[in-house]
Structures are given as C-alpha cells and as structure tokens.
C-alpha cells in the first residue's frame, strides 16, 4: 500500500485595503470589484489541484496575502468550504489566516472561528502610531488592541503577532516598548523581522533618492539580541531565526518550509514544492481570473530539484531552525552521511565559531545567526 504523504497548503489572497510602503508581495489595494471573480477562480483551482494530488493528507492550511480578511465573510466561507470538501484535512491540522488589524472586528473574528480557522496571524509590526503611519499601515495601536480582544473573545487560543525592527526613526526604546506590550498580551507565537528594503517598493525608491535613512547594522543587531534574550525570559522559545513560541505552539506551516517538506500554493503568484519540483502560479491578476482554475494555464517556471539542490536546501533551510539539522534526519532523507558530503565546510564553520556540532547534529551559534547568509552559502555547490 502506498504511503500517504503529508503536505501544507498555502492560499494567496492578493488584496489589501492599502498597500504597505515596504511590501513587495503580489497584492493590490482598490480592486474590490475583482474580488468575487478572483475567489471563484481560486475555488476552481482548489478543486482542480486536489485531483492532481489525490493521495495527500493536509496538516496545515495557511491563508496569506495581501490581507485575506479584506475579503467579505461569504468569500472566505466559499474558499474554506472548497478546501474542506476537496482535500483530506487531518483532524489536528493547523489552519491559519493572516488577519491584519483594521480588517478585523468581532463579527469577522467569530466568522473565521466558525468556518474552521484555529490560528490567527496579526500584523501588528510596532506599538507606536507614528511608526505605523510611516509604514503605511491602516491601523492604530488602539485598533489592534480592540481587534486582539475580539479575537480572544471569539475563542482563538492560538495567535501570532508579527513585529518589525530596524525601521527608519525607530529607537531602541520604541522596540522595547513594542515587545514588552505584546508579551503582556500573551500571544502564543511572535515573529520578529528586521526591515528589508525590497526593490520596487516606495521605501526602496525613497532610499534610492536619499530620502530614507535605514537603521544602522549595529542597532539592528542590538534590537535583535535584546528581543531574543527578553522573549526567552518571558517563556518564548526561539525555534527559528525570527520566530518565538510558547511551549507546543511552534508554527507547523513554518516548519514545513524550513524542513523542505512538500507544500502546494494556490492563488496568484503562489509558490509550491511538490514531487521534486518547485514552481509558481502566474502573477497577472486578470489572466489568473480568466484561467478560471485551469491548472495547465497557471503553472510557471518549473524547476526540477536535483539531489544536489535538495542536499543544499536541507542544510541552509534547516539551519534556520535553532535545533539545526540532525545527522539522523539527513541520513533518513538521503541515505548518506552529512559529514561525508559537507565535512570540510562543517569543520571550517565550527572552527570559526559559526556552527556548533554535537552527537545529534549541527546548529548555528549566536554569531552564526548574525551572518547566517554567509554560513548558508558554504553549503551551495
């Protein structure tokens, strides 16, 4: 009998009330008239993709964007119904939606719970209204607090908050206030990312013109290390470079990515890793709606993952996790010994104080985390 494989599903909603000034994801504001057409096309894709992969058990579903909660409740219900009717969702599956403050009220929170979501990810970013305005966020911190209360009252016992540091004009005191106030609220999971200036965003354009001063690297690292230490004191285990969780609350969906397990993306521009291939859907909104879920028209840029690629990905994705990459997991996956392939790289990185090796496997040191991209490059052939 064939073993049933487990996968994660990612479902992309490319709509926002207002586009954030740092965001380079495929999403738009002001396209409300396109929403129902998009949802209908995405519903068809959800149905058709399930026929391509009939033997998969789904352990995680993640609605991302954009902002999924800009959709009307009926549209989200339509998509969730399609997911549950067409896919084999395990009883203990983690089912998350991003739900940004400003698009969430008591009615929406209760509807999300009723339609099957059991985890919410809220993009708070910072505690100061002046910085929220600078980022192009639509919410105030007061609105977030109201939304958070509504989410808890609706019965959500698993909430993530996204935070950002190393922002222009953000002080260490601002960052400490943000983290401390979030910890007081007690979300089960916290993600903390430093600002990256992505090409094609208003922030990048302003930087190019000399109108935006990025944070100093030293302050970036100081903010990061302070958060790591403080969150540990407050009972949040750091399990990945940017992610912290209370005991038993690590994100299943995140771990699928970092452990290079299979996931299927549906919706505009979504990426997938299935059957040894990486590919993504088209990025043109009109064309996506027109394709009406015809999967033969949606798929673009198929990349066959060679064993060489898979070995490297296992290392540089797995090293993002604080537990690192275990010798046993590597052996089980590839039938090879990690040290036979990467022995010299590991030896060099341990000697330089960037990796720790023990009998279980290898993992980044604190200094290794700070220059993790340099470490990861060592595992690319």
Protein backbone atom coordinates (compact mmCIF):
# COMPACT_ATOMS: atom_id res chain seq x y z
CA UNK A 1 0.00 0.00 0.00
CA UNK A 2 1.32 3.45 -0.92
CA UNK A 3 2.22 5.72 2.00
CA UNK A 4 0.09 8.84 2.17
CA UNK A 5 2.27 11.94 2.13
CA UNK A 6 1.50 14.97 4.27
CA UNK A 7 1.60 18.49 2.83
CA UNK A 8 0.84 22.09 3.70
CA UNK A 9 -1.50 24.24 1.61
CA UNK A 10 -0.84 27.95 1.07
CA UNK A 11 -3.71 30.06 -0.31
CA UNK A 12 -2.90 33.56 -1.56
CA UNK A 13 -5.31 36.48 -1.31
CA UNK A 14 -3.82 39.42 -3.27
CA UNK A 15 -6.00 42.23 -1.90
CA UNK A 16 -5.33 44.92 0.71
CA UNK A 17 -7.15 47.99 1.98
CA UNK A 18 -3.91 49.90 1.48
CA UNK A 19 -0.51 48.71 0.27
CA UNK A 20 2.22 48.97 2.91
CA UNK A 21 5.21 51.03 1.83
CA UNK A 22 7.73 48.19 2.38
CA UNK A 23 5.72 45.32 0.84
CA UNK A 24 6.81 43.57 -2.37
CA UNK A 25 4.28 40.72 -2.29
CA UNK A 26 1.82 40.40 -5.20
CA UNK A 27 -1.08 42.38 -3.76
CA UNK A 28 -3.13 45.47 -4.56
CA UNK A 29 -5.47 47.96 -2.95
CA UNK A 30 -8.58 49.36 -4.63
CA UNK A 31 -9.58 46.26 -6.61
CA UNK A 32 -12.70 45.33 -4.66
CA UNK A 33 -14.66 44.78 -7.89
CA UNK A 34 -12.24 41.95 -8.79
CA UNK A 35 -12.60 40.06 -5.52
CA UNK A 36 -15.54 37.77 -6.31
CA UNK A 37 -14.13 36.85 -9.73
CA UNK A 38 -10.81 36.03 -8.09
CA UNK A 39 -12.46 33.94 -5.35
CA UNK A 40 -14.44 31.99 -7.98
CA UNK A 41 -11.25 31.27 -9.97
CA UNK A 42 -9.37 30.29 -6.80
CA UNK A 43 -12.24 27.99 -5.76
CA UNK A 44 -11.87 26.18 -9.10
CA UNK A 45 -8.10 25.91 -8.63
CA UNK A 46 -8.58 24.41 -5.15
CA UNK A 47 -10.92 21.81 -6.68
CA UNK A 48 -8.68 21.03 -9.66
CA UNK A 49 -5.40 20.83 -7.74
CA UNK A 50 -6.90 18.25 -5.38
CA UNK A 51 -7.43 15.95 -8.39
CA UNK A 52 -3.71 16.30 -9.25
CA UNK A 53 -2.68 15.20 -5.74
CA UNK A 54 -5.39 12.82 -4.52
CA UNK A 55 -3.16 10.91 -2.08
CA UNK A 56 -2.06 13.82 0.14
CA UNK A 57 -3.08 14.45 3.73
CA UNK A 58 -3.11 18.14 4.65
CA UNK A 59 -1.57 19.00 8.04
CA UNK A 60 -1.51 22.77 7.58
CA UNK A 61 -3.53 25.37 5.69
CA UNK A 62 -2.32 28.98 5.56
CA UNK A 63 -4.27 31.90 4.04
CA UNK A 64 -1.80 34.71 3.33
CA UNK A 65 -1.61 37.83 1.28
CA UNK A 66 -2.21 40.63 0.88
CA UNK A 67 -4.77 40.58 3.62
CA UNK A 68 -7.24 37.66 3.49
CA UNK A 69 -9.60 39.49 5.85
CA UNK A 70 -10.20 42.23 3.27
CA UNK A 71 -12.47 39.68 1.58
CA UNK A 72 -16.12 39.57 2.56
CA UNK A 73 -17.07 36.83 5.03
CA UNK A 74 -19.08 34.99 2.35
CA UNK A 75 -16.00 34.85 0.08
CA UNK A 76 -13.81 33.37 2.82
CA UNK A 77 -16.57 30.86 3.59
CA UNK A 78 -16.66 29.86 -0.08
CA UNK A 79 -12.90 29.21 -0.11
CA UNK A 80 -12.87 27.31 3.19
CA UNK A 81 -15.76 25.14 2.01
CA UNK A 82 -13.77 24.29 -1.13
CA UNK A 83 -10.71 23.38 0.96
CA UNK A 84 -12.64 21.07 3.29
CA UNK A 85 -14.71 19.46 0.52
CA UNK A 86 -11.78 18.72 -1.79
CA UNK A 87 -8.82 17.98 0.47
CA UNK A 88 -8.16 15.41 3.20
CA UNK A 89 -7.58 17.74 6.16
CA UNK A 90 -6.26 15.96 9.27
CA UNK A 91 -8.22 16.43 12.50
CA UNK A 92 -5.32 18.21 14.19
CA UNK A 93 -4.40 20.38 11.18
CA UNK A 94 -3.17 23.91 11.86
CA UNK A 95 -5.45 26.26 9.89
CA UNK A 96 -4.17 29.85 9.88
CA UNK A 97 -5.21 33.08 8.31
CA UNK A 98 -3.39 36.38 8.32
CA UNK A 99 -5.85 38.90 9.75
CA UNK A 100 -4.40 42.37 9.86
CA UNK A 101 -5.67 44.88 12.40
CA UNK A 102 -8.02 47.30 10.72
CA UNK A 103 -9.76 44.49 8.79
CA UNK A 104 -10.91 42.57 11.84
CA UNK A 105 -13.86 43.10 14.14
CA UNK A 106 -15.94 40.87 16.43
CA UNK A 107 -18.17 39.71 13.55
CA UNK A 108 -15.19 38.76 11.35
CA UNK A 109 -13.34 37.05 14.25
CA UNK A 110 -16.38 34.93 15.13
CA UNK A 111 -17.00 34.05 11.46
CA UNK A 112 -13.36 32.94 10.99
CA UNK A 113 -13.61 30.64 14.02
CA UNK A 114 -16.90 29.20 12.82
CA UNK A 115 -15.59 28.45 9.31
CA UNK A 116 -12.70 26.37 10.68
CA UNK A 117 -9.68 28.62 11.27
CA UNK A 118 -7.91 27.73 14.53
CA UNK A 119 -4.93 30.12 14.36
CA UNK A 120 -4.66 33.83 13.51
CA UNK A 121 -1.57 35.78 12.47
CA UNK A 122 -1.87 39.51 13.15
CA UNK A 123 0.49 42.04 11.55
CA UNK A 124 0.97 44.46 14.43
CA UNK A 125 4.53 45.49 13.47
CA UNK A 126 5.08 48.25 16.06
CA UNK A 127 3.38 49.82 19.10
CA UNK A 128 3.85 53.48 18.10
CA UNK A 129 1.21 55.15 15.93
CA UNK A 130 3.78 57.48 14.33
CA UNK A 131 5.76 54.44 13.07
CA UNK A 132 2.60 52.64 11.92
CA UNK A 133 1.77 55.70 9.83
CA UNK A 134 5.32 55.79 8.42
CA UNK A 135 4.97 52.14 7.36
CA UNK A 136 1.69 52.80 5.55
CA UNK A 137 -0.30 50.58 7.94
CA UNK A 138 -4.04 51.24 8.11
CA UNK A 139 -4.46 50.52 11.83
CA UNK A 140 -3.66 52.35 15.05
CA UNK A 141 -2.33 50.51 18.08
CA UNK A 142 -5.68 51.18 19.80
CA UNK A 143 -7.48 49.42 16.93
CA UNK A 144 -5.10 46.45 17.25
CA UNK A 145 -5.85 46.13 20.97
CA UNK A 146 -9.60 46.10 20.23
CA UNK A 147 -9.09 43.52 17.47
CA UNK A 148 -6.94 41.32 19.72
CA UNK A 149 -9.66 41.36 22.40
CA UNK A 150 -12.28 40.41 19.78
CA UNK A 151 -10.12 37.50 18.59
CA UNK A 152 -9.75 36.13 22.12
CA UNK A 153 -13.47 36.56 22.80
CA UNK A 154 -14.22 34.64 19.59
CA UNK A 155 -12.34 31.68 21.09
CA UNK A 156 -8.98 31.77 19.32
CA UNK A 157 -6.40 30.12 21.57
CA UNK A 158 -3.53 30.31 19.09
CA UNK A 159 -2.48 33.78 17.92
CA UNK A 160 0.71 35.01 16.25
CA UNK A 161 1.81 38.63 16.16
CA UNK A 162 4.27 39.88 13.53
CA UNK A 163 6.70 42.57 14.71
CA UNK A 164 9.28 44.64 12.82
CA UNK A 165 12.52 46.20 13.98
CA UNK A 166 15.38 48.23 12.48
CA UNK A 167 12.90 50.67 10.97
CA UNK A 168 13.79 54.25 10.00
CA UNK A 169 13.38 56.51 13.06
CA UNK A 170 12.67 53.55 15.38
CA UNK A 171 14.64 53.80 18.62
CA UNK A 172 15.71 51.01 20.95
CA UNK A 173 13.15 52.35 23.44
CA UNK A 174 10.40 52.07 20.76
CA UNK A 175 11.36 48.45 20.08
CA UNK A 176 11.47 47.51 23.76
CA UNK A 177 8.06 49.12 24.32
CA UNK A 178 6.63 47.16 21.38
CA UNK A 179 7.93 43.78 22.54
CA UNK A 180 7.05 44.29 26.20
CA UNK A 181 3.48 45.36 25.43
CA UNK A 182 2.96 42.43 23.08
CA UNK A 183 4.30 39.99 25.69
CA UNK A 184 1.86 41.45 28.23
CA UNK A 185 -1.00 40.49 25.88
CA UNK A 186 0.36 36.93 25.76
CA UNK A 187 0.09 35.71 22.15
CA UNK A 188 1.19 32.10 21.71
CA UNK A 189 3.65 32.95 18.93
CA UNK A 190 5.72 36.01 17.99
CA UNK A 191 7.56 36.63 14.71
CA UNK A 192 10.15 39.41 14.66
CA UNK A 193 11.69 40.58 11.39
CA UNK A 194 14.08 43.38 10.56
CA UNK A 195 13.11 45.67 7.69
CA UNK A 196 14.46 44.65 4.29
CA UNK A 197 14.34 47.32 1.58
CA UNK A 198 12.94 45.46 -1.44
CA UNK A 199 13.25 46.81 -4.97
CA UNK A 200 10.02 48.12 -6.44
CA UNK A 201 8.62 49.35 -3.11
CA UNK A 202 8.05 53.01 -2.14
CA UNK A 203 10.53 52.55 0.72
CA UNK A 204 13.25 51.41 -1.70
CA UNK A 205 12.53 54.32 -4.05
CA UNK A 206 12.85 56.78 -1.18
CA UNK A 207 16.10 55.13 -0.09
CA UNK A 208 17.48 55.44 -3.64
CA UNK A 209 16.63 59.16 -3.63
CA UNK A 210 18.33 59.64 -0.26
CA UNK A 211 15.01 60.43 1.46
CA UNK A 212 15.03 57.38 3.75
CA UNK A 213 17.80 56.52 6.20
CA UNK A 214 17.96 52.79 7.04
CA UNK A 215 18.83 51.70 10.58
CA UNK A 216 22.49 51.14 11.41
CA UNK A 217 23.57 47.47 11.34
CA UNK A 218 24.77 47.76 14.94
CA UNK A 219 21.32 48.92 16.13
CA UNK A 220 19.64 46.16 14.09
CA UNK A 221 21.72 43.50 15.89
CA UNK A 222 21.26 45.17 19.29
CA UNK A 223 17.47 45.14 18.85
CA UNK A 224 17.50 41.52 17.70
CA UNK A 225 19.68 40.21 20.54
CA UNK A 226 17.69 42.11 23.14
CA UNK A 227 14.44 40.57 21.83
CA UNK A 228 15.91 37.04 21.79
CA UNK A 229 17.02 37.35 25.43
CA UNK A 230 13.89 39.10 26.67
CA UNK A 231 11.48 36.71 24.97
CA UNK A 232 13.38 33.73 26.40
CA UNK A 233 12.98 35.22 29.88
CA UNK A 234 9.26 35.62 29.22
CA UNK A 235 8.77 31.96 28.26
CA UNK A 236 9.01 32.20 24.47
CA UNK A 237 11.30 29.58 22.95
CA UNK A 238 13.20 30.75 19.89
CA UNK A 239 12.81 27.87 17.43
CA UNK A 240 13.87 29.69 14.24
CA UNK A 241 15.94 32.79 13.49
CA UNK A 242 12.88 35.11 13.51
CA UNK A 243 10.26 33.04 15.35
CA UNK A 244 9.41 32.52 19.01
CA UNK A 245 6.71 30.36 20.56
CA UNK A 246 5.28 29.25 23.86
CA UNK A 247 5.71 25.54 24.54
CA UNK A 248 3.89 23.41 21.95
CA UNK A 249 2.95 26.43 19.82
CA UNK A 250 5.56 26.39 17.05
CA UNK A 251 4.01 27.04 13.65
CA UNK A 252 3.53 23.80 11.76
CA UNK A 253 3.31 25.67 8.47
CA UNK A 254 6.59 27.50 9.05
CA UNK A 255 8.34 24.23 9.88
CA UNK A 256 7.16 22.69 6.60
CA UNK A 257 9.11 25.38 4.72
CA UNK A 258 12.27 25.15 6.83
CA UNK A 259 12.36 21.36 6.79
CA UNK A 260 11.95 21.40 2.98
CA UNK A 261 8.76 19.34 3.17
CA UNK A 262 6.09 19.48 0.47
CA UNK A 263 3.68 22.39 0.18
CA UNK A 264 1.24 23.46 -2.51
CA UNK A 265 0.48 27.11 -3.18
CA UNK A 266 -2.81 28.13 -4.74
CA UNK A 267 -3.83 31.57 -5.91
CA UNK A 268 -2.00 34.35 -7.72
CA UNK A 269 1.81 34.09 -7.70
CA UNK A 270 1.84 31.37 -5.03
CA UNK A 271 4.86 29.06 -4.86
CA UNK A 272 4.89 25.26 -4.50
CA UNK A 273 7.33 22.44 -3.80
CA UNK A 274 5.78 19.14 -4.91
CA UNK A 275 7.17 15.86 -6.26
CA UNK A 276 10.70 17.19 -6.54
CA UNK A 277 9.65 20.33 -8.45
CA UNK A 278 9.44 23.99 -7.49
CA UNK A 279 7.04 26.18 -9.46
CA UNK A 280 4.77 29.17 -9.03
CA UNK A 281 1.48 30.41 -10.39
CA UNK A 282 1.20 33.35 -12.81
CA UNK A 283 1.40 36.89 -11.40
CA UNK A 284 -1.12 38.63 -13.71
CA UNK A 285 -4.41 39.13 -11.83
CA UNK A 286 -6.59 39.45 -14.94
CA UNK A 287 -5.02 36.37 -16.54
CA UNK A 288 -5.44 34.39 -13.31
CA UNK A 289 -9.15 35.19 -13.15
CA UNK A 290 -9.51 34.39 -16.86
CA UNK A 291 -7.79 31.00 -16.42
CA UNK A 292 -10.67 30.05 -14.08
CA UNK A 293 -8.70 27.41 -12.19
CA UNK A 294 -7.30 25.63 -15.27
CA UNK A 295 -4.07 24.35 -13.69
CA UNK A 296 -2.43 23.79 -17.10
CA UNK A 297 -2.51 27.58 -17.62
CA UNK A 298 -1.46 28.62 -14.10
CA UNK A 299 1.91 26.96 -13.56
CA UNK A 300 5.08 28.91 -14.44
CA UNK A 301 8.86 28.46 -14.09
CA UNK A 302 9.05 24.79 -13.17
CA UNK A 303 12.41 23.93 -11.61
CA UNK A 304 13.42 20.29 -11.19
CA UNK A 305 15.17 19.88 -7.83
CA UNK A 306 18.26 17.72 -8.29
CA UNK A 307 19.68 15.74 -5.38
CA UNK A 308 22.45 18.34 -5.18
CA UNK A 309 19.81 21.08 -4.79
CA UNK A 310 17.87 19.04 -2.21
CA UNK A 311 21.01 18.42 -0.12
CA UNK A 312 21.88 22.14 -0.08
CA UNK A 313 18.29 23.18 0.75
CA UNK A 314 18.12 20.70 3.61
CA UNK A 315 21.19 22.38 5.10
CA UNK A 316 20.53 26.09 4.62
CA UNK A 317 16.79 25.90 5.36
CA UNK A 318 17.25 23.51 8.28
CA UNK A 319 19.94 25.70 9.85
CA UNK A 320 17.35 28.49 10.21
CA UNK A 321 15.84 26.34 12.97
CA UNK A 322 17.58 26.68 16.33
CA UNK A 323 17.66 22.88 16.64
CA UNK A 324 19.67 22.83 13.41
CA UNK A 325 20.00 19.79 11.14
CA UNK A 326 20.30 16.36 12.73
CA UNK A 327 22.64 13.70 11.35
CA UNK A 328 19.86 11.13 11.65
CA UNK A 329 17.26 13.19 9.74
CA UNK A 330 19.80 13.82 6.98
CA UNK A 331 20.64 10.10 6.82
CA UNK A 332 16.95 9.08 6.70
CA UNK A 333 16.20 11.54 3.94
CA UNK A 334 19.16 10.98 1.65
CA UNK A 335 20.70 7.64 2.69
CA UNK A 336 24.02 9.47 3.10
CA UNK A 337 26.17 10.77 5.93
CA UNK A 338 26.18 14.55 6.25
CA UNK A 339 29.87 14.62 7.19
CA UNK A 340 30.80 12.67 4.04
CA UNK A 341 29.35 15.45 1.91
CA UNK A 342 29.86 18.60 3.98
CA UNK A 343 32.64 17.54 6.37
CA UNK A 344 35.12 20.24 5.38
CA UNK A 345 32.51 23.04 5.44
CA UNK A 346 31.26 21.96 8.88
CA UNK A 347 34.80 21.74 10.24
CA UNK A 348 35.66 25.22 8.96
CA UNK A 349 32.45 26.81 10.29
CA UNK A 350 32.83 25.15 13.72
CA UNK A 351 36.44 26.38 13.88
CA UNK A 352 35.26 29.93 13.02
CA UNK A 353 32.67 29.82 15.82
CA UNK A 354 29.68 29.96 13.45
CA UNK A 355 28.39 26.40 13.97
CA UNK A 356 28.14 24.08 16.96
CA UNK A 357 28.44 20.33 16.37
CA UNK A 358 27.37 17.66 18.85
CA UNK A 359 26.39 13.99 18.56
CA UNK A 360 22.87 14.95 17.35
CA UNK A 361 23.81 17.34 14.55
CA UNK A 362 24.85 20.92 13.77
CA UNK A 363 23.30 24.30 14.52
CA UNK A 364 24.16 27.99 14.26
CA UNK A 365 25.86 29.83 17.10
CA UNK A 366 24.65 33.30 18.05
CA UNK A 367 27.41 34.78 15.88
CA UNK A 368 26.43 32.36 13.10
CA UNK A 369 22.87 33.70 13.20
CA UNK A 370 24.17 37.25 12.72
CA UNK A 371 25.93 36.29 9.48
CA UNK A 372 23.67 33.38 8.56
CA UNK A 373 23.67 34.14 4.83
CA UNK A 374 27.47 33.72 4.80
CA UNK A 375 27.06 30.34 6.55
CA UNK A 376 24.30 29.18 4.17
CA UNK A 377 26.42 29.98 1.11
CA UNK A 378 29.02 27.45 2.27
CA UNK A 379 26.54 24.64 1.55
CA UNK A 380 25.88 25.67 -2.06
CA UNK A 381 27.92 23.66 -4.54
